[in-house]
Amino acid sequence: MQKINYPSTPIGYASFPRKAVVNLSKPFYATIQFYTGNGYRGTWAIDKKFNDEGHMENFISLIERNRGWNLDELWLVKNV
């Protein structure tokens, strides 16, 4: 059996649904999905515009702190 190695993709290149590089120091759109722990539909996602990477990290921390949800997935969509 031949082992297939798939290259890992840096988060800056992992953009959904468009495949492009997103500059995190400029305003950009991202889709963030959190795990809420509520059954099989235990996720909540939001599409939001962020000013930079720090703004996005603060938003994620706010949701984790206030709601108790964990970050599940993050898609960087495009720069504004």
PDB file of N, CA and C in Angstrom:
ATOM      1  N   MET A   1       0.847  -1.181   0.000  1.00  0.00           N
ATOM      2  CA  MET A   1       0.000   0.000   0.000  1.00  0.00           C
ATOM      3  C   MET A   1       0.891   1.243   0.000  1.00  0.00           C
ATOM      4  N   GLN A   2       0.614   2.145  -0.903  1.00  0.00           N
ATOM      5  CA  GLN A   2       1.393   3.366  -1.013  1.00  0.00           C
ATOM      6  C   GLN A   2       0.788   4.439  -0.112  1.00  0.00           C
ATOM      7  N   LYS A   3       1.646   5.064   0.684  1.00  0.00           N
ATOM      8  CA  LYS A   3       1.201   6.130   1.578  1.00  0.00           C
ATOM      9  C   LYS A   3       1.188   7.447   0.811  1.00  0.00           C
ATOM     10  N   ILE A   4       0.086   8.157   0.909  1.00  0.00           N
ATOM     11  CA  ILE A   4      -0.053   9.454   0.243  1.00  0.00           C
ATOM     12  C   ILE A   4       0.091  10.539   1.286  1.00  0.00           C
ATOM     13  N   ASN A   5       1.014  11.437   1.071  1.00  0.00           N
ATOM     14  CA  ASN A   5       1.206  12.570   1.974  1.00  0.00           C
ATOM     15  C   ASN A   5       0.580  13.810   1.368  1.00  0.00           C
ATOM     16  N   TYR A   6      -0.343  14.391   2.085  1.00  0.00           N
ATOM     17  CA  TYR A   6      -0.953  15.631   1.654  1.00  0.00           C
ATOM     18  C   TYR A   6      -0.251  16.779   2.358  1.00  0.00           C
ATOM     19  N   PRO A   7       0.200  17.762   1.619  1.00  0.00           N
ATOM     20  CA  PRO A   7       0.893  18.878   2.273  1.00  0.00           C
ATOM     21  C   PRO A   7      -0.073  19.679   3.136  1.00  0.00           C
ATOM     22  N   SER A   8       0.399  20.111   4.277  1.00  0.00           N
ATOM     23  CA  SER A   8      -0.441  20.946   5.127  1.00  0.00           C
ATOM     24  C   SER A   8      -0.491  22.352   4.549  1.00  0.00           C
ATOM     25  N   THR A   9      -1.591  23.009   4.790  1.00  0.00           N
ATOM     26  CA  THR A   9      -1.806  24.339   4.239  1.00  0.00           C
ATOM     27  C   THR A   9      -1.727  25.365   5.351  1.00  0.00           C
ATOM     28  N   PRO A  10      -0.836  26.343   5.245  1.00  0.00           N
ATOM     29  CA  PRO A  10      -0.805  27.403   6.263  1.00  0.00           C
ATOM     30  C   PRO A  10      -2.135  28.135   6.312  1.00  0.00           C
ATOM     31  N   ILE A  11      -2.490  28.645   7.473  1.00  0.00           N
ATOM     32  CA  ILE A  11      -3.791  29.276   7.650  1.00  0.00           C
ATOM     33  C   ILE A  11      -3.969  30.469   6.712  1.00  0.00           C
ATOM     34  N   GLY A  12      -2.884  31.134   6.331  1.00  0.00           N
ATOM     35  CA  GLY A  12      -2.988  32.259   5.407  1.00  0.00           C
ATOM     36  C   GLY A  12      -3.436  31.853   4.019  1.00  0.00           C
ATOM     37  N   TYR A  13      -3.259  30.585   3.665  1.00  0.00           N
ATOM     38  CA  TYR A  13      -3.664  30.102   2.354  1.00  0.00           C
ATOM     39  C   TYR A  13      -4.985  29.349   2.401  1.00  0.00           C
ATOM     40  N   ALA A  14      -5.426  28.987   3.579  1.00  0.00           N
ATOM     41  CA  ALA A  14      -6.664  28.218   3.701  1.00  0.00           C
ATOM     42  C   ALA A  14      -7.845  29.167   3.696  1.00  0.00           C
ATOM     43  N   SER A  15      -8.356  29.451   2.536  1.00  0.00           N
ATOM     44  CA  SER A  15      -9.480  30.365   2.427  1.00  0.00           C
ATOM     45  C   SER A  15     -10.639  29.632   1.757  1.00  0.00           C
ATOM     46  N   PHE A  16     -11.825  29.859   2.255  1.00  0.00           N
ATOM     47  CA  PHE A  16     -12.998  29.180   1.738  1.00  0.00           C
ATOM     48  C   PHE A  16     -14.087  30.212   1.499  1.00  0.00           C
ATOM     49  N   PRO A  17     -14.755  30.247   0.407  1.00  0.00           N
ATOM     50  CA  PRO A  17     -14.703  29.331  -0.714  1.00  0.00           C
ATOM     51  C   PRO A  17     -13.695  29.718  -1.786  1.00  0.00           C
ATOM     52  N   ARG A  18     -13.090  30.880  -1.691  1.00  0.00           N
ATOM     53  CA  ARG A  18     -12.125  31.310  -2.708  1.00  0.00           C
ATOM     54  C   ARG A  18     -10.726  30.890  -2.293  1.00  0.00           C
ATOM     55  N   LYS A  19      -9.931  30.453  -3.241  1.00  0.00           N
ATOM     56  CA  LYS A  19      -8.566  30.031  -2.950  1.00  0.00           C
ATOM     57  C   LYS A  19      -7.626  31.189  -3.255  1.00  0.00           C
ATOM     58  N   ALA A  20      -7.272  31.941  -2.251  1.00  0.00           N
ATOM     59  CA  ALA A  20      -6.388  33.089  -2.426  1.00  0.00           C
ATOM     60  C   ALA A  20      -5.680  33.366  -1.118  1.00  0.00           C
ATOM     61  N   VAL A  21      -4.645  34.144  -1.189  1.00  0.00           N
ATOM     62  CA  VAL A  21      -3.911  34.521   0.016  1.00  0.00           C
ATOM     63  C   VAL A  21      -4.620  35.714   0.652  1.00  0.00           C
ATOM     64  N   VAL A  22      -4.868  35.617   1.952  1.00  0.00           N
ATOM     65  CA  VAL A  22      -5.523  36.694   2.686  1.00  0.00           C
ATOM     66  C   VAL A  22      -4.470  37.388   3.542  1.00  0.00           C
ATOM     67  N   ASN A  23      -4.343  38.698   3.357  1.00  0.00           N
ATOM     68  CA  ASN A  23      -3.400  39.494   4.133  1.00  0.00           C
ATOM     69  C   ASN A  23      -4.048  39.828   5.474  1.00  0.00           C
ATOM     70  N   LEU A  24      -3.486  39.307   6.560  1.00  0.00           N
ATOM     71  CA  LEU A  24      -4.088  39.473   7.884  1.00  0.00           C
ATOM     72  C   LEU A  24      -3.797  40.814   8.530  1.00  0.00           C
ATOM     73  N   SER A  25      -2.975  41.642   7.897  1.00  0.00           N
ATOM     74  CA  SER A  25      -2.703  42.962   8.463  1.00  0.00           C
ATOM     75  C   SER A  25      -3.626  44.028   7.871  1.00  0.00           C
ATOM     76  N   LYS A  26      -4.462  43.644   6.916  1.00  0.00           N
ATOM     77  CA  LYS A  26      -5.443  44.550   6.313  1.00  0.00           C
ATOM     78  C   LYS A  26      -6.839  44.010   6.622  1.00  0.00           C
ATOM     79  N   PRO A  27      -7.894  44.836   6.467  1.00  0.00           N
ATOM     80  CA  PRO A  27      -9.255  44.338   6.705  1.00  0.00           C
ATOM     81  C   PRO A  27      -9.582  43.138   5.825  1.00  0.00           C
ATOM     82  N   PHE A  28     -10.278  42.160   6.414  1.00  0.00           N
ATOM     83  CA  PHE A  28     -10.628  40.941   5.681  1.00  0.00           C
ATOM     84  C   PHE A  28     -11.925  40.367   6.237  1.00  0.00           C
ATOM     85  N   TYR A  29     -12.529  39.487   5.461  1.00  0.00           N
ATOM     86  CA  TYR A  29     -13.714  38.752   5.884  1.00  0.00           C
ATOM     87  C   TYR A  29     -13.294  37.346   6.279  1.00  0.00           C
ATOM     88  N   ALA A  30     -13.918  36.825   7.332  1.00  0.00           N
ATOM     89  CA  ALA A  30     -13.638  35.465   7.788  1.00  0.00           C
ATOM     90  C   ALA A  30     -14.938  34.819   8.248  1.00  0.00           C
ATOM     91  N   THR A  31     -14.974  33.508   8.122  1.00  0.00           N
ATOM     92  CA  THR A  31     -16.058  32.709   8.659  1.00  0.00           C
ATOM     93  C   THR A  31     -15.485  31.917   9.824  1.00  0.00           C
ATOM     94  N   ILE A  32     -16.085  32.073  10.993  1.00  0.00           N
ATOM     95  CA  ILE A  32     -15.596  31.409  12.197  1.00  0.00           C
ATOM     96  C   ILE A  32     -16.685  30.484  12.704  1.00  0.00           C
ATOM     97  N   GLN A  33     -16.310  29.238  12.992  1.00  0.00           N
ATOM     98  CA  GLN A  33     -17.252  28.255  13.504  1.00  0.00           C
ATOM     99  C   GLN A  33     -16.819  27.821  14.892  1.00  0.00           C
ATOM    100  N   PHE A  34     -17.766  27.829  15.819  1.00  0.00           N
ATOM    101  CA  PHE A  34     -17.514  27.442  17.201  1.00  0.00           C
ATOM    102  C   PHE A  34     -18.260  26.158  17.518  1.00  0.00           C
ATOM    103  N   TYR A  35     -17.689  25.350  18.390  1.00  0.00           N
ATOM    104  CA  TYR A  35     -18.348  24.149  18.883  1.00  0.00           C
ATOM    105  C   TYR A  35     -19.083  24.515  20.165  1.00  0.00           C
ATOM    106  N   THR A  36     -20.400  24.321  20.155  1.00  0.00           N
ATOM    107  CA  THR A  36     -21.219  24.709  21.306  1.00  0.00           C
ATOM    108  C   THR A  36     -21.479  23.553  22.253  1.00  0.00           C
ATOM    109  N   GLY A  37     -21.322  22.327  21.791  1.00  0.00           N
ATOM    110  CA  GLY A  37     -21.547  21.169  22.637  1.00  0.00           C
ATOM    111  C   GLY A  37     -22.993  20.755  22.756  1.00  0.00           C
ATOM    112  N   ASN A  38     -23.864  21.260  21.883  1.00  0.00           N
ATOM    113  CA  ASN A  38     -25.294  20.948  21.949  1.00  0.00           C
ATOM    114  C   ASN A  38     -25.667  19.898  20.907  1.00  0.00           C
ATOM    115  N   GLY A  39     -25.465  18.639  21.212  1.00  0.00           N
ATOM    116  CA  GLY A  39     -25.894  17.554  20.335  1.00  0.00           C
ATOM    117  C   GLY A  39     -25.163  17.512  19.013  1.00  0.00           C
ATOM    118  N   TYR A  40     -25.806  16.900  18.022  1.00  0.00           N
ATOM    119  CA  TYR A  40     -25.153  16.758  16.727  1.00  0.00           C
ATOM    120  C   TYR A  40     -25.151  18.058  15.929  1.00  0.00           C
ATOM    121  N   ARG A  41     -25.954  19.007  16.308  1.00  0.00           N
ATOM    122  CA  ARG A  41     -25.934  20.332  15.679  1.00  0.00           C
ATOM    123  C   ARG A  41     -25.187  21.318  16.563  1.00  0.00           C
ATOM    124  N   GLY A  42     -24.155  20.866  17.185  1.00  0.00           N
ATOM    125  CA  GLY A  42     -23.458  21.651  18.185  1.00  0.00           C
ATOM    126  C   GLY A  42     -22.434  22.620  17.647  1.00  0.00           C
ATOM    127  N   THR A  43     -22.759  23.294  16.554  1.00  0.00           N
ATOM    128  CA  THR A  43     -21.841  24.308  16.028  1.00  0.00           C
ATOM    129  C   THR A  43     -22.611  25.589  15.746  1.00  0.00           C
ATOM    130  N   TRP A  44     -21.880  26.687  15.779  1.00  0.00           N
ATOM    131  CA  TRP A  44     -22.427  28.002  15.452  1.00  0.00           C
ATOM    132  C   TRP A  44     -21.376  28.729  14.630  1.00  0.00           C
ATOM    133  N   ALA A  45     -21.773  29.272  13.485  1.00  0.00           N
ATOM    134  CA  ALA A  45     -20.827  29.943  12.595  1.00  0.00           C
ATOM    135  C   ALA A  45     -21.281  31.376  12.344  1.00  0.00           C
ATOM    136  N   ILE A  46     -20.293  32.233  12.088  1.00  0.00           N
ATOM    137  CA  ILE A  46     -20.570  33.635  11.800  1.00  0.00           C
ATOM    138  C   ILE A  46     -19.616  34.111  10.708  1.00  0.00           C
ATOM    139  N   ASP A  47     -20.149  34.923   9.795  1.00  0.00           N
ATOM    140  CA  ASP A  47     -19.349  35.611   8.784  1.00  0.00           C
ATOM    141  C   ASP A  47     -19.175  37.039   9.274  1.00  0.00           C
ATOM    142  N   LYS A  48     -17.940  37.491   9.345  1.00  0.00           N
ATOM    143  CA  LYS A  48     -17.692  38.803   9.939  1.00  0.00           C
ATOM    144  C   LYS A  48     -16.497  39.469   9.272  1.00  0.00           C
ATOM    145  N   LYS A  49     -16.543  40.798   9.238  1.00  0.00           N
ATOM    146  CA  LYS A  49     -15.421  41.596   8.744  1.00  0.00           C
ATOM    147  C   LYS A  49     -14.541  41.963   9.938  1.00  0.00           C
ATOM    148  N   PHE A  50     -13.234  41.773   9.775  1.00  0.00           N
ATOM    149  CA  PHE A  50     -12.271  42.110  10.820  1.00  0.00           C
ATOM    150  C   PHE A  50     -11.271  43.120  10.282  1.00  0.00           C
ATOM    151  N   ASN A  51     -10.786  44.004  11.161  1.00  0.00           N
ATOM    152  CA  ASN A  51      -9.822  45.024  10.755  1.00  0.00           C
ATOM    153  C   ASN A  51      -8.420  44.454  10.580  1.00  0.00           C
ATOM    154  N   ASP A  52      -8.054  43.473  11.412  1.00  0.00           N
ATOM    155  CA  ASP A  52      -6.744  42.819  11.316  1.00  0.00           C
ATOM    156  C   ASP A  52      -6.793  41.530  12.135  1.00  0.00           C
ATOM    157  N   GLU A  53      -5.678  40.832  12.212  1.00  0.00           N
ATOM    158  CA  GLU A  53      -5.633  39.558  12.920  1.00  0.00           C
ATOM    159  C   GLU A  53      -5.919  39.726  14.414  1.00  0.00           C
ATOM    160  N   GLY A  54      -5.434  40.805  15.014  1.00  0.00           N
ATOM    161  CA  GLY A  54      -5.677  41.061  16.431  1.00  0.00           C
ATOM    162  C   GLY A  54      -7.154  41.228  16.746  1.00  0.00           C
ATOM    163  N   HIS A  55      -7.871  41.910  15.856  1.00  0.00           N
ATOM    164  CA  HIS A  55      -9.309  42.098  16.018  1.00  0.00           C
ATOM    165  C   HIS A  55     -10.021  40.746  16.001  1.00  0.00           C
ATOM    166  N   MET A  56      -9.617  39.857  15.085  1.00  0.00           N
ATOM    167  CA  MET A  56     -10.210  38.536  14.996  1.00  0.00           C
ATOM    168  C   MET A  56      -9.910  37.709  16.256  1.00  0.00           C
ATOM    169  N   GLU A  57      -8.669  37.768  16.732  1.00  0.00           N
ATOM    170  CA  GLU A  57      -8.294  37.020  17.933  1.00  0.00           C
ATOM    171  C   GLU A  57      -9.075  37.511  19.151  1.00  0.00           C
ATOM    172  N   ASN A  58      -9.286  38.817  19.255  1.00  0.00           N
ATOM    173  CA  ASN A  58     -10.074  39.367  20.367  1.00  0.00           C
ATOM    174  C   ASN A  58     -11.523  38.889  20.309  1.00  0.00           C
ATOM    175  N   PHE A  59     -12.090  38.834  19.099  1.00  0.00           N
ATOM    176  CA  PHE A  59     -13.461  38.355  18.938  1.00  0.00           C
ATOM    177  C   PHE A  59     -13.575  36.893  19.359  1.00  0.00           C
ATOM    178  N   ILE A  60     -12.626  36.067  18.930  1.00  0.00           N
ATOM    179  CA  ILE A  60     -12.633  34.648  19.292  1.00  0.00           C
ATOM    180  C   ILE A  60     -12.521  34.492  20.805  1.00  0.00           C
ATOM    181  N   SER A  61     -11.636  35.242  21.421  1.00  0.00           N
ATOM    182  CA  SER A  61     -11.476  35.183  22.879  1.00  0.00           C
ATOM    183  C   SER A  61     -12.754  35.615  23.602  1.00  0.00           C
ATOM    184  N   LEU A  62     -13.424  36.637  23.085  1.00  0.00           N
ATOM    185  CA  LEU A  62     -14.669  37.121  23.680  1.00  0.00           C
ATOM    186  C   LEU A  62     -15.738  36.040  23.670  1.00  0.00           C
ATOM    187  N   ILE A  63     -15.915  35.374  22.537  1.00  0.00           N
ATOM    188  CA  ILE A  63     -16.922  34.317  22.430  1.00  0.00           C
ATOM    189  C   ILE A  63     -16.566  33.147  23.344  1.00  0.00           C
ATOM    190  N   GLU A  64     -15.293  32.762  23.363  1.00  0.00           N
ATOM    191  CA  GLU A  64     -14.872  31.653  24.227  1.00  0.00           C
ATOM    192  C   GLU A  64     -15.089  31.986  25.699  1.00  0.00           C
ATOM    193  N   ARG A  65     -14.816  33.222  26.084  1.00  0.00           N
ATOM    194  CA  ARG A  65     -14.942  33.636  27.479  1.00  0.00           C
ATOM    195  C   ARG A  65     -16.405  33.799  27.894  1.00  0.00           C
ATOM    196  N   ASN A  66     -17.203  34.477  27.077  1.00  0.00           N
ATOM    197  CA  ASN A  66     -18.582  34.789  27.457  1.00  0.00           C
ATOM    198  C   ASN A  66     -19.549  33.621  27.264  1.00  0.00           C
ATOM    199  N   ARG A  67     -19.371  32.862  26.191  1.00  0.00           N
ATOM    200  CA  ARG A  67     -20.301  31.776  25.891  1.00  0.00           C
ATOM    201  C   ARG A  67     -19.798  30.408  26.336  1.00  0.00           C
ATOM    202  N   GLY A  68     -18.476  30.270  26.524  1.00  0.00           N
ATOM    203  CA  GLY A  68     -17.912  28.983  26.882  1.00  0.00           C
ATOM    204  C   GLY A  68     -17.774  28.042  25.711  1.00  0.00           C
ATOM    205  N   TRP A  69     -17.873  28.571  24.483  1.00  0.00           N
ATOM    206  CA  TRP A  69     -17.748  27.749  23.281  1.00  0.00           C
ATOM    207  C   TRP A  69     -16.288  27.685  22.867  1.00  0.00           C
ATOM    208  N   ASN A  70     -15.924  26.609  22.165  1.00  0.00           N
ATOM    209  CA  ASN A  70     -14.560  26.438  21.672  1.00  0.00           C
ATOM    210  C   ASN A  70     -14.501  26.682  20.175  1.00  0.00           C
ATOM    211  N   LEU A  71     -13.395  27.246  19.727  1.00  0.00           N
ATOM    212  CA  LEU A  71     -13.180  27.465  18.300  1.00  0.00           C
ATOM    213  C   LEU A  71     -13.097  26.122  17.608  1.00  0.00           C
ATOM    214  N   ASP A  72     -13.890  25.950  16.544  1.00  0.00           N
ATOM    215  CA  ASP A  72     -13.904  24.691  15.806  1.00  0.00           C
ATOM    216  C   ASP A  72     -13.145  24.840  14.492  1.00  0.00           C
ATOM    217  N   GLU A  73     -13.573  25.772  13.644  1.00  0.00           N
ATOM    218  CA  GLU A  73     -12.918  25.986  12.359  1.00  0.00           C
ATOM    219  C   GLU A  73     -12.890  27.468  12.027  1.00  0.00           C
ATOM    220  N   LEU A  74     -11.941  27.819  11.177  1.00  0.00           N
ATOM    221  CA  LEU A  74     -11.758  29.208  10.765  1.00  0.00           C
ATOM    222  C   LEU A  74     -11.441  29.229   9.289  1.00  0.00           C
ATOM    223  N   TRP A  75     -12.241  29.987   8.515  1.00  0.00           N
ATOM    224  CA  TRP A  75     -11.983  30.149   7.092  1.00  0.00           C
ATOM    225  C   TRP A  75     -11.741  31.619   6.813  1.00  0.00           C
ATOM    226  N   LEU A  76     -10.645  31.929   6.190  1.00  0.00           N
ATOM    227  CA  LEU A  76     -10.352  33.289   5.754  1.00  0.00           C
ATOM    228  C   LEU A  76     -10.899  33.440   4.349  1.00  0.00           C
ATOM    229  N   VAL A  77     -11.827  34.354   4.162  1.00  0.00           N
ATOM    230  CA  VAL A  77     -12.536  34.431   2.895  1.00  0.00           C
ATOM    231  C   VAL A  77     -11.806  35.313   1.891  1.00  0.00           C
ATOM    232  N   LYS A  78     -11.676  36.609   2.192  1.00  0.00           N
ATOM    233  CA  LYS A  78     -11.005  37.513   1.251  1.00  0.00           C
ATOM    234  C   LYS A  78     -10.704  38.826   1.946  1.00  0.00           C
ATOM    235  N   ASN A  79      -9.794  39.587   1.373  1.00  0.00           N
ATOM    236  CA  ASN A  79      -9.523  40.945   1.852  1.00  0.00           C
ATOM    237  C   ASN A  79     -10.590  41.881   1.325  1.00  0.00           C
ATOM    238  N   VAL A  80     -10.825  42.936   2.084  1.00  0.00           N
ATOM    239  CA  VAL A  80     -11.842  43.932   1.704  1.00  0.00           C
ATOM    240  C   VAL A  80     -11.295  44.787   0.597  1.00  0.00           C
TER     241      VAL A  80
END
